[in-house]
N, C-alpha and C. Protein backbone atom coordinates (compact mmCIF):
# COMPACT_ATOMS: atom_id res chain seq x y z
N UNK A 1 -8.88 24.14 27.86
CA UNK A 1 -8.70 24.58 26.40
C UNK A 1 -7.61 23.58 25.76
N UNK A 2 -6.87 23.46 26.93
CA UNK A 2 -5.74 22.49 26.21
C UNK A 2 -6.07 21.16 26.12
N UNK A 3 -7.27 20.73 27.16
CA UNK A 3 -7.70 19.41 26.64
C UNK A 3 -8.11 19.33 25.45
N UNK A 4 -8.81 20.53 24.86
CA UNK A 4 -9.36 20.38 23.45
C UNK A 4 -8.36 20.38 22.54
N UNK A 5 -7.42 21.04 22.80
CA UNK A 5 -6.65 20.85 21.66
C UNK A 5 -5.89 19.51 21.50
N UNK A 6 -5.38 19.11 22.57
CA UNK A 6 -5.19 17.57 22.62
C UNK A 6 -5.77 16.35 22.41
N UNK A 7 -7.39 16.30 22.26
CA UNK A 7 -8.12 15.44 21.64
C UNK A 7 -8.09 15.88 20.34
N UNK A 8 -7.97 16.68 19.62
CA UNK A 8 -8.14 16.83 17.87
C UNK A 8 -6.96 16.62 17.49
N UNK A 9 -5.63 16.67 18.29
CA UNK A 9 -4.62 16.14 17.73
C UNK A 9 -4.39 15.03 17.01
N UNK A 10 -4.15 14.84 15.64
CA UNK A 10 -4.08 13.42 15.13
C UNK A 10 -2.97 12.32 15.59
N UNK A 11 -3.29 11.20 16.00
CA UNK A 11 -2.58 10.09 16.20
C UNK A 11 -1.34 10.30 15.85
N UNK A 12 -0.09 9.40 16.32
CA UNK A 12 1.01 9.27 15.80
C UNK A 12 0.57 8.53 14.02
N UNK A 13 -0.30 7.32 14.11
CA UNK A 13 -0.61 6.68 13.15
C UNK A 13 -1.01 7.21 12.02
N UNK A 14 -2.39 8.41 12.34
CA UNK A 14 -2.49 9.49 11.53
C UNK A 14 -1.64 10.18 10.66
N UNK A 15 -0.56 10.80 11.51
CA UNK A 15 0.31 11.60 10.99
C UNK A 15 0.97 10.63 9.95
N UNK A 16 1.15 9.11 10.03
CA UNK A 16 2.24 8.38 9.47
C UNK A 16 1.43 8.21 8.17
N UNK A 17 -0.10 8.12 8.31
CA UNK A 17 -0.72 7.76 6.91
C UNK A 17 -1.16 9.06 6.12
N UNK A 18 -1.20 10.24 6.70
CA UNK A 18 -0.77 11.11 6.14
C UNK A 18 0.62 11.58 5.30
N UNK A 19 1.47 11.37 6.01
CA UNK A 19 3.04 11.46 5.33
C UNK A 19 3.06 10.28 4.47
N UNK A 20 2.54 9.13 4.36
CA UNK A 20 2.52 8.28 2.99
C UNK A 20 1.84 8.28 2.01
N UNK A 21 0.87 9.16 2.05
CA UNK A 21 -0.16 9.57 1.51
C UNK A 21 0.50 10.64 0.47
N UNK A 22 1.11 11.25 0.94
CA UNK A 22 2.09 12.69 0.50
C UNK A 22 3.15 11.98 -0.41
N UNK A 23 3.52 10.94 -0.14
CA UNK A 23 4.61 10.27 -0.44
C UNK A 23 3.85 9.79 -1.69
N UNK A 24 2.98 9.16 -1.67
CA UNK A 24 2.56 8.28 -2.66
C UNK A 24 2.24 9.63 -3.96
N UNK A 25 1.64 10.76 -3.56
CA UNK A 25 1.42 11.41 -4.45
C UNK A 25 2.77 12.13 -5.32
N UNK A 26 3.43 12.13 -3.92
CA UNK A 26 5.16 12.31 -4.57
C UNK A 26 5.25 11.47 -6.05
N UNK A 27 5.19 9.86 -5.49
CA UNK A 27 5.28 8.72 -6.79
C UNK A 27 4.57 9.07 -7.94
N UNK A 28 3.34 9.55 -7.90
CA UNK A 28 2.60 9.84 -9.00
C UNK A 28 3.31 10.86 -9.57
N UNK A 29 3.92 11.82 -9.46
CA UNK A 29 4.60 12.94 -9.86
C UNK A 29 5.87 12.55 -10.30
N UNK A 30 6.40 11.77 -9.98
CA UNK A 30 7.56 11.36 -10.63
C UNK A 30 7.09 10.74 -12.08
N UNK A 31 6.09 9.82 -11.72
CA UNK A 31 5.85 9.29 -13.21
C UNK A 31 5.14 9.98 -13.87
N UNK A 32 4.76 11.22 -13.86
CA UNK A 32 4.01 11.93 -14.82
C UNK A 32 5.27 12.45 -16.12
N UNK A 33 4.56 12.56 -17.39
CA UNK A 33 5.40 13.28 -18.07
C UNK A 33 5.66 14.81 -18.19
N UNK A 34 6.81 15.53 -18.80
CA UNK A 34 7.49 16.68 -18.02
C UNK A 34 6.24 17.71 -18.52
N UNK A 35 5.43 17.57 -19.44
CA UNK A 35 4.66 18.53 -19.73
C UNK A 35 3.33 19.00 -18.84
N UNK A 36 3.10 17.35 -18.34
CA UNK A 36 1.88 17.51 -17.37
C UNK A 36 2.47 17.97 -16.01
N UNK A 37 3.62 17.50 -15.62
CA UNK A 37 4.43 18.00 -14.26
C UNK A 37 4.48 19.63 -14.64
N UNK A 38 4.49 20.14 -15.75
CA UNK A 38 4.71 21.83 -15.78
C UNK A 38 3.47 22.57 -15.42
N UNK A 39 2.30 21.72 -15.93
CA UNK A 39 0.91 22.34 -15.47
C UNK A 39 0.77 22.24 -14.29
N UNK A 40 1.04 21.63 -13.44
CA UNK A 40 0.95 22.05 -12.08
C UNK A 40 1.23 22.81 -11.37
N UNK A 41 2.47 23.32 -11.60
CA UNK A 41 2.54 24.70 -11.55
C UNK A 41 3.05 24.43 -9.50
N UNK A 42 4.05 23.37 -9.91
CA UNK A 42 4.79 23.04 -8.32
C UNK A 42 5.64 24.05 -7.76
N UNK A 43 6.03 24.02 -6.65
CA UNK A 43 7.15 25.23 -6.05
C UNK A 43 8.64 24.64 -6.68
N UNK A 44 9.21 25.57 -7.04
CA UNK A 44 10.47 25.04 -7.57
C UNK A 44 11.31 23.98 -6.88
N UNK A 45 11.10 24.02 -5.59
CA UNK A 45 12.26 23.14 -5.08
C UNK A 45 11.63 21.59 -5.19
N UNK A 46 10.24 21.62 -5.13
CA UNK A 46 9.31 20.41 -5.32
C UNK A 46 9.65 19.86 -6.80
N UNK A 47 9.41 20.92 -7.67
CA UNK A 47 9.63 20.44 -9.07
C UNK A 47 10.83 20.01 -9.13
N UNK A 48 12.13 20.53 -8.85
CA UNK A 48 13.40 20.19 -9.06
C UNK A 48 13.48 18.86 -8.41
N UNK A 49 12.87 18.43 -7.23
CA UNK A 49 13.15 17.29 -6.49
C UNK A 49 12.46 16.01 -7.11
N UNK A 50 11.12 16.45 -8.01
CA UNK A 50 10.57 15.41 -8.66
C UNK A 50 11.51 15.10 -10.09
N UNK A 51 11.95 16.15 -10.70
CA UNK A 51 12.80 15.76 -12.24
C UNK A 51 13.79 15.38 -11.20
N UNK A 52 14.52 15.45 -10.35
CA UNK A 52 15.63 14.66 -9.82
C UNK A 52 15.74 13.46 -9.51
N UNK A 53 14.55 12.90 -9.21
CA UNK A 53 14.03 11.40 -8.95
C UNK A 53 13.66 10.75 -10.19
N UNK A 54 13.42 11.78 -11.24
CA UNK A 54 13.04 10.60 -12.41
C UNK A 54 14.23 10.12 -13.10
N UNK A 55 15.65 10.86 -12.55
CA UNK A 55 17.04 10.86 -13.14
C UNK A 55 17.37 9.52 -12.31
N UNK A 56 17.09 9.21 -11.19
CA UNK A 56 17.93 8.48 -10.26
C UNK A 56 17.39 7.28 -10.97
N UNK A 57 18.21 6.18 -11.06
CA UNK A 57 17.83 4.96 -11.40
C UNK A 57 18.33 3.73 -10.26
N UNK A 58 19.32 4.10 -9.19
CA UNK A 58 19.56 3.10 -8.06
C UNK A 58 18.35 3.02 -6.99
N UNK A 59 17.81 2.14 -6.64
CA UNK A 59 16.80 1.92 -5.83
C UNK A 59 16.60 2.31 -4.45
N UNK A 60 18.16 2.67 -3.93
CA UNK A 60 17.83 3.09 -2.58
C UNK A 60 17.86 4.51 -2.86
N UNK A 61 18.61 5.20 -3.88
CA UNK A 61 18.74 6.46 -4.11
C UNK A 61 17.13 7.10 -4.54
N UNK A 62 16.69 6.22 -5.18
CA UNK A 62 15.24 6.82 -5.51
C UNK A 62 14.28 6.41 -4.51
N UNK A 63 14.18 5.56 -4.01
CA UNK A 63 13.63 6.07 -2.37
C UNK A 63 13.68 7.14 -1.23
N UNK A 64 15.07 6.90 -1.46
CA UNK A 64 15.52 8.24 -0.38
C UNK A 64 14.75 9.46 -0.96
N UNK A 65 15.23 9.83 -2.43
CA UNK A 65 14.28 10.88 -3.12
C UNK A 65 12.65 11.19 -2.91
N UNK A 66 12.52 9.70 -3.18
CA UNK A 66 10.72 10.17 -2.94
C UNK A 66 10.33 10.22 -1.54
N UNK A 67 11.11 9.95 -0.34
CA UNK A 67 11.03 10.19 0.96
C UNK A 67 11.16 11.92 0.97
N UNK A 68 11.93 12.18 0.28
CA UNK A 68 12.38 13.80 0.46
C UNK A 68 11.07 14.36 0.22
N UNK A 69 10.67 13.77 -1.44
CA UNK A 69 9.48 14.91 -2.38
C UNK A 69 8.18 14.60 -1.02
N UNK A 70 8.29 13.71 -0.20
CA UNK A 70 7.38 13.33 0.84
C UNK A 70 7.16 14.67 1.72
N UNK A 71 8.67 14.81 2.18
CA UNK A 71 8.89 15.99 3.18
C UNK A 71 8.73 17.10 2.40
N UNK A 72 8.93 17.33 0.97
CA UNK A 72 8.38 18.58 0.75
C UNK A 72 6.90 19.07 0.48
N UNK A 73 6.37 17.79 0.23
CA UNK A 73 4.84 17.75 -0.19
C UNK A 73 3.96 18.32 1.38
N UNK A 74 4.60 18.17 2.29
CA UNK A 74 4.19 18.62 4.14
C UNK A 74 3.89 20.09 3.69
N UNK A 75 4.92 20.88 3.03
CA UNK A 75 4.85 22.35 2.81
C UNK A 75 4.33 22.68 1.86
N UNK A 76 3.50 22.05 1.19
CA UNK A 76 2.63 22.54 -0.05
C UNK A 76 1.06 22.19 0.41
N UNK A 77 -0.08 22.85 -0.12
CA UNK A 77 -1.08 22.23 -0.54
C UNK A 77 -1.28 20.93 -1.21
N UNK A 78 -1.46 20.04 -0.90
CA UNK A 78 -1.59 18.93 -1.58
C UNK A 78 -2.88 18.67 -2.19
N UNK A 79 -3.88 19.64 -1.83
CA UNK A 79 -5.44 19.23 -2.65
C UNK A 79 -5.42 19.64 -3.70
N UNK A 80 -4.95 20.73 -4.19
CA UNK A 80 -5.21 21.20 -5.72
C UNK A 80 -4.51 19.84 -6.33
N UNK A 81 -3.00 19.66 -6.15
CA UNK A 81 -2.57 18.62 -6.89
C UNK A 81 -3.26 17.74 -6.98
N UNK A 82 -3.87 16.76 -5.82
CA UNK A 82 -4.57 15.41 -6.19
C UNK A 82 -5.76 15.89 -6.89
N UNK A 83 -6.70 17.02 -6.76
CA UNK A 83 -7.87 17.41 -7.43
C UNK A 83 -7.30 17.33 -8.94
N UNK A 84 -5.97 17.46 -9.48
CA UNK A 84 -5.63 17.83 -10.74
C UNK A 84 -5.54 16.36 -11.45
N UNK A 85 -4.98 15.55 -10.47
CA UNK A 85 -4.18 14.20 -10.59
C UNK A 85 -5.49 13.65 -10.67
N UNK A 86 -6.73 13.58 -10.02
CA UNK A 86 -7.82 12.86 -10.32
C UNK A 86 -8.57 13.42 -11.53
N UNK A 87 -8.57 14.35 -11.80
CA UNK A 87 -9.18 15.20 -12.78
C UNK A 87 -8.54 14.43 -14.24
N UNK A 88 -7.34 14.41 -14.32
CA UNK A 88 -6.77 13.75 -15.59
C UNK A 88 -6.73 12.40 -15.59
N UNK A 89 -6.95 11.58 -14.21
CA UNK A 89 -7.21 10.01 -14.24
C UNK A 89 -8.55 9.84 -14.73
N UNK A 90 -9.54 10.66 -14.49
CA UNK A 90 -10.74 10.55 -14.82
C UNK A 90 -10.94 10.98 -16.33
N UNK A 91 -10.43 12.18 -16.95
CA UNK A 91 -10.26 12.14 -18.22
C UNK A 91 -9.75 10.86 -19.05
N UNK A 92 -8.61 10.40 -18.47
CA UNK A 92 -8.13 9.46 -18.91
C UNK A 92 -8.62 8.34 -19.30
N UNK A 93 -9.44 7.92 -18.24
CA UNK A 93 -10.43 6.75 -18.16
C UNK A 93 -11.62 7.47 -19.17
N UNK A 94 -12.46 8.15 -19.19
CA UNK A 94 -13.50 8.74 -20.27
C UNK A 94 -12.44 8.44 -21.47
N UNK A 95 -11.63 9.01 -21.81
CA UNK A 95 -11.40 9.16 -23.40
C UNK A 95 -10.79 7.61 -23.50
N UNK A 96 -10.34 6.57 -22.55
CA UNK A 96 -10.00 5.17 -22.90
C UNK A 96 -11.31 4.72 -23.47
N UNK A 97 -12.15 4.83 -22.56
CA UNK A 97 -13.60 4.25 -22.89
C UNK A 97 -14.32 4.35 -24.27
N UNK A 98 -14.12 6.02 -24.29
CA UNK A 98 -14.68 6.47 -25.74
C UNK A 98 -13.85 5.53 -26.96
N UNK A 99 -12.56 5.72 -26.83
CA UNK A 99 -11.80 4.65 -28.23
C UNK A 99 -12.14 3.73 -27.99
N UNK A 100 -12.34 3.09 -26.67
CA UNK A 100 -12.74 1.33 -27.09
C UNK A 100 -14.50 1.54 -27.65
N UNK A 101 -15.14 2.45 -27.27
CA UNK A 101 -16.37 1.88 -28.09
C UNK A 101 -16.19 2.44 -29.48
N UNK A 102 -15.23 3.64 -30.31
CA UNK A 102 -14.99 3.73 -31.34
C UNK A 102 -14.33 2.31 -31.99
N UNK A 103 -13.70 1.87 -31.52
CA UNK A 103 -12.94 0.70 -32.04
C UNK A 103 -13.90 -0.63 -32.22
N UNK A 104 -14.89 -0.49 -30.93
CA UNK A 104 -15.58 -1.68 -31.17
C UNK A 104 -16.94 -1.30 -32.61
N UNK A 105 -16.74 -0.09 -32.88
CA UNK A 105 -17.95 0.28 -34.09
C UNK A 105 -17.13 0.29 -35.30
N UNK A 106 -15.79 0.41 -35.33
CA UNK A 106 -14.84 0.17 -36.58
C UNK A 106 -14.99 -1.12 -36.59
N UNK A 107 -14.75 -2.26 -35.98
CA UNK A 107 -14.79 -3.52 -35.87
C UNK A 107 -15.92 -3.84 -36.63
N UNK A 108 -17.07 -3.76 -36.12
CA UNK A 108 -18.47 -4.06 -36.42
C UNK A 108 -18.90 -3.57 -37.49
N UNK A 109 -18.64 -2.35 -37.98
CA UNK A 109 -18.44 -1.79 -39.39
C UNK A 109 -18.01 -2.69 -40.58
N UNK A 110 -16.75 -3.00 -40.11
CA UNK A 110 -16.09 -3.69 -41.20
C UNK A 110 -16.08 -5.31 -41.38
N UNK A 111 -17.00 -6.10 -40.23
CA UNK A 111 -17.45 -7.36 -40.23
C UNK A 111 -18.44 -7.52 -40.57
N UNK A 112 -19.71 -6.63 -40.45
CA UNK A 112 -21.25 -6.70 -40.63
C UNK A 112 -21.56 -5.70 -41.15
N UNK A 113 -22.70 -5.99 -42.27
CA UNK A 113 -23.26 -4.90 -43.15
C UNK A 113 -24.36 -4.40 -42.14
N UNK A 114 -24.93 -5.13 -41.22
CA UNK A 114 -26.03 -4.41 -40.71
C UNK A 114 -25.48 -3.74 -39.59
N UNK A 115 -24.46 -3.52 -39.17
CA UNK A 115 -23.83 -2.60 -38.47
C UNK A 115 -23.99 -1.32 -38.86
N UNK A 116 -23.96 -1.14 -39.90
CA UNK A 116 -23.96 0.32 -41.01
C UNK A 116 -25.60 0.88 -40.94
N UNK A 117 -26.44 0.09 -40.85
CA UNK A 117 -27.84 0.88 -40.60
C UNK A 117 -27.73 0.84 -39.22
N UNK A 118 -27.58 0.36 -38.33
CA UNK A 118 -27.70 0.71 -36.82
C UNK A 118 -26.91 2.02 -36.49
N UNK A 119 -25.69 1.67 -37.13
CA UNK A 119 -24.56 3.00 -37.03
C UNK A 119 -25.12 4.55 -37.13
N UNK A 120 -25.89 4.55 -38.25
CA UNK A 120 -26.61 5.56 -39.41
C UNK A 120 -27.76 6.10 -38.39
N UNK A 121 -28.81 4.94 -37.80
CA UNK A 121 -29.52 5.43 -36.98
C UNK A 121 -28.82 6.23 -35.75
N UNK A 122 -28.37 5.84 -35.30
CA UNK A 122 -27.45 6.50 -34.17
C UNK A 122 -26.81 7.72 -34.17
N UNK A 123 -26.32 7.93 -35.62
CA UNK A 123 -25.80 9.15 -35.89
C UNK A 123 -25.85 9.37 -37.27
N UNK A 124 -27.28 10.02 -37.61
CA UNK A 124 -27.40 10.47 -38.94
C UNK A 124 -26.82 11.47 -39.47
N UNK A 125 -25.68 12.20 -38.47
CA UNK A 125 -25.49 13.41 -39.35
C UNK A 125 -23.77 12.95 -40.35
N UNK A 126 -23.11 11.58 -40.10
CA UNK A 126 -22.41 11.02 -40.82
C UNK A 126 -22.88 11.62 -42.37
N UNK A 127 -21.71 11.60 -42.85
CA UNK A 127 -21.42 11.24 -44.43
C UNK A 127 -21.50 10.09 -44.90
N UNK A 128 -22.81 9.54 -45.09
CA UNK A 128 -23.03 7.72 -45.17
C UNK A 128 -21.81 7.26 -46.46
N UNK A 129 -21.88 8.08 -47.84
CA UNK A 129 -20.98 7.63 -48.86
C UNK A 129 -19.75 7.73 -48.42
N UNK A 130 -19.19 8.48 -47.72
CA UNK A 130 -17.61 8.67 -47.66
C UNK A 130 -17.56 7.15 -46.57
N UNK A 131 -18.66 7.08 -45.60
CA UNK A 131 -18.30 5.89 -44.98
C UNK A 131 -17.99 4.73 -45.56
N UNK A 132 -19.14 4.65 -46.52
CA UNK A 132 -19.42 2.96 -46.92
C UNK A 132 -18.24 3.18 -47.88
N UNK A 133 -17.69 4.33 -48.44
CA UNK A 133 -16.31 4.10 -49.21
C UNK A 133 -15.07 3.15 -48.53
N UNK A 134 -15.11 4.42 -47.34
CA UNK A 134 -13.73 3.85 -46.40
C UNK A 134 -13.93 2.60 -45.68
N UNK A 135 -15.20 1.84 -45.33
CA UNK A 135 -15.55 0.52 -45.16
C UNK A 135 -15.08 -0.23 -46.44
N UNK A 136 -15.64 -0.31 -47.49
CA UNK A 136 -15.43 -0.92 -48.55
C UNK A 136 -13.72 -1.02 -48.93
N UNK A 137 -13.22 0.39 -48.96
CA UNK A 137 -11.46 0.17 -49.21
C UNK A 137 -10.75 -0.37 -48.03
N UNK A 138 -11.44 -0.65 -46.91
CA UNK A 138 -10.41 -1.00 -45.61
C UNK A 138 -10.45 -2.44 -45.80
N UNK A 139 -12.12 -3.10 -46.65
CA UNK A 139 -12.11 -4.61 -46.53
C UNK A 139 -11.29 -5.02 -47.44
N UNK A 140 -11.20 -4.07 -48.78
CA UNK A 140 -10.24 -4.43 -49.90
C UNK A 140 -8.70 -4.55 -49.65
N UNK A 141 -8.22 -3.60 -48.81
CA UNK A 141 -7.06 -3.74 -48.15
C UNK A 141 -6.80 -4.92 -47.24
N UNK A 142 -7.72 -5.10 -46.34
CA UNK A 142 -7.34 -5.78 -45.40
C UNK A 142 -7.29 -7.30 -46.02
N UNK A 143 -8.26 -7.50 -46.90
CA UNK A 143 -8.19 -9.24 -47.88
C UNK A 143 -7.06 -9.31 -49.24
N UNK A 144 -6.45 -8.14 -49.16
CA UNK A 144 -5.22 -8.03 -50.08
C UNK A 144 -3.73 -7.51 -49.11
N UNK A 145 -3.94 -8.05 -47.88
CA UNK A 145 -3.05 -7.84 -47.22
C UNK A 145 -2.02 -6.63 -47.57
N UNK A 146 -2.89 -5.50 -47.52
CA UNK A 146 -2.46 -4.32 -47.40
C UNK A 146 -2.09 -3.40 -46.14
N UNK A 147 -1.38 -2.44 -46.14
CA UNK A 147 -1.36 -1.58 -44.70
C UNK A 147 -2.87 -1.08 -44.62
N UNK A 148 -3.44 -1.06 -43.45
CA UNK A 148 -4.84 -0.43 -43.19
C UNK A 148 -4.88 0.79 -43.15
N UNK A 149 -4.59 1.79 -44.55
CA UNK A 149 -5.01 2.99 -44.24
C UNK A 149 -6.17 3.68 -44.11
N UNK A 150 -7.11 3.08 -45.00
CA UNK A 150 -8.75 3.22 -44.91
C UNK A 150 -9.33 2.87 -43.60
N UNK A 151 -8.76 1.80 -43.10
CA UNK A 151 -9.17 1.37 -41.45
C UNK A 151 -8.81 2.58 -40.76
N UNK A 152 -7.81 3.33 -40.92
CA UNK A 152 -7.31 4.26 -39.81
C UNK A 152 -8.14 5.51 -39.93
N UNK A 153 -8.25 6.05 -41.55
CA UNK A 153 -9.01 6.98 -41.90
C UNK A 153 -10.39 6.78 -41.57
N UNK A 154 -10.86 5.32 -41.37
CA UNK A 154 -12.42 4.93 -40.79
C UNK A 154 -12.45 5.59 -39.40
N UNK A 155 -11.54 5.05 -38.57
CA UNK A 155 -11.39 4.97 -37.19
C UNK A 155 -11.25 6.79 -37.05
N UNK A 156 -10.48 7.48 -37.89
CA UNK A 156 -10.61 8.89 -37.73
C UNK A 156 -11.69 9.64 -37.76
N UNK A 157 -12.27 9.33 -38.73
CA UNK A 157 -13.47 9.57 -39.04
C UNK A 157 -14.80 9.57 -38.34
N UNK A 158 -14.61 8.16 -37.50
CA UNK A 158 -15.80 8.26 -35.94
C UNK A 158 -15.22 9.10 -35.15
N UNK A 159 -13.47 9.02 -34.56
CA UNK A 159 -13.39 9.97 -33.69
C UNK A 159 -13.96 10.97 -33.84
N UNK A 160 -13.87 11.80 -35.13
CA UNK A 160 -14.12 12.94 -35.00
C UNK A 160 -15.72 13.53 -34.97
N UNK A 161 -16.73 12.23 -35.51
CA UNK A 161 -17.88 12.52 -35.65
C UNK A 161 -18.64 12.11 -34.48
N UNK A 162 -18.34 11.09 -33.72
CA UNK A 162 -18.98 10.34 -32.78
C UNK A 162 -18.70 11.15 -31.37
N UNK A 163 -19.77 11.96 -30.61
CA UNK A 163 -19.33 12.35 -29.64
C UNK A 163 -20.29 12.02 -28.30
N UNK A 164 -20.40 10.83 -28.12
CA UNK A 164 -21.34 9.98 -26.71
C UNK A 164 -20.43 9.73 -25.59
């Protein structure tokens, strides 16, 4: 029986990798905005340690605080934290990709009249008249050197109506 337990015990190197992985999660926690940190519902000691690490500016002190956070992480189930961080990263990447697509549409609509027909064929539910008005006003503002108010409104309209 003892032989089986001994064989299944992780190596010293494996334990070190696990500890470093927990410390890496701790570093990510320190970089999170406070509102997202609250959403994780961390144990109070860990939450306080993360907030303290945010305040520390000295390199050595910050490094020691991150090691302490890694130590605290050993007593916490890190899987839900890791899952939530991955979810946020996935959502962030998808949201960024969507914003890039919308910006690409706005740029094409402002530069090429043919893009409007293509856009309307893909998104027939849009108010075409309002879209055309915003495009026209945006072009006028750009040529007059005015602030891009209509261009911003166009982007907002696209963001509200496009969901692909």
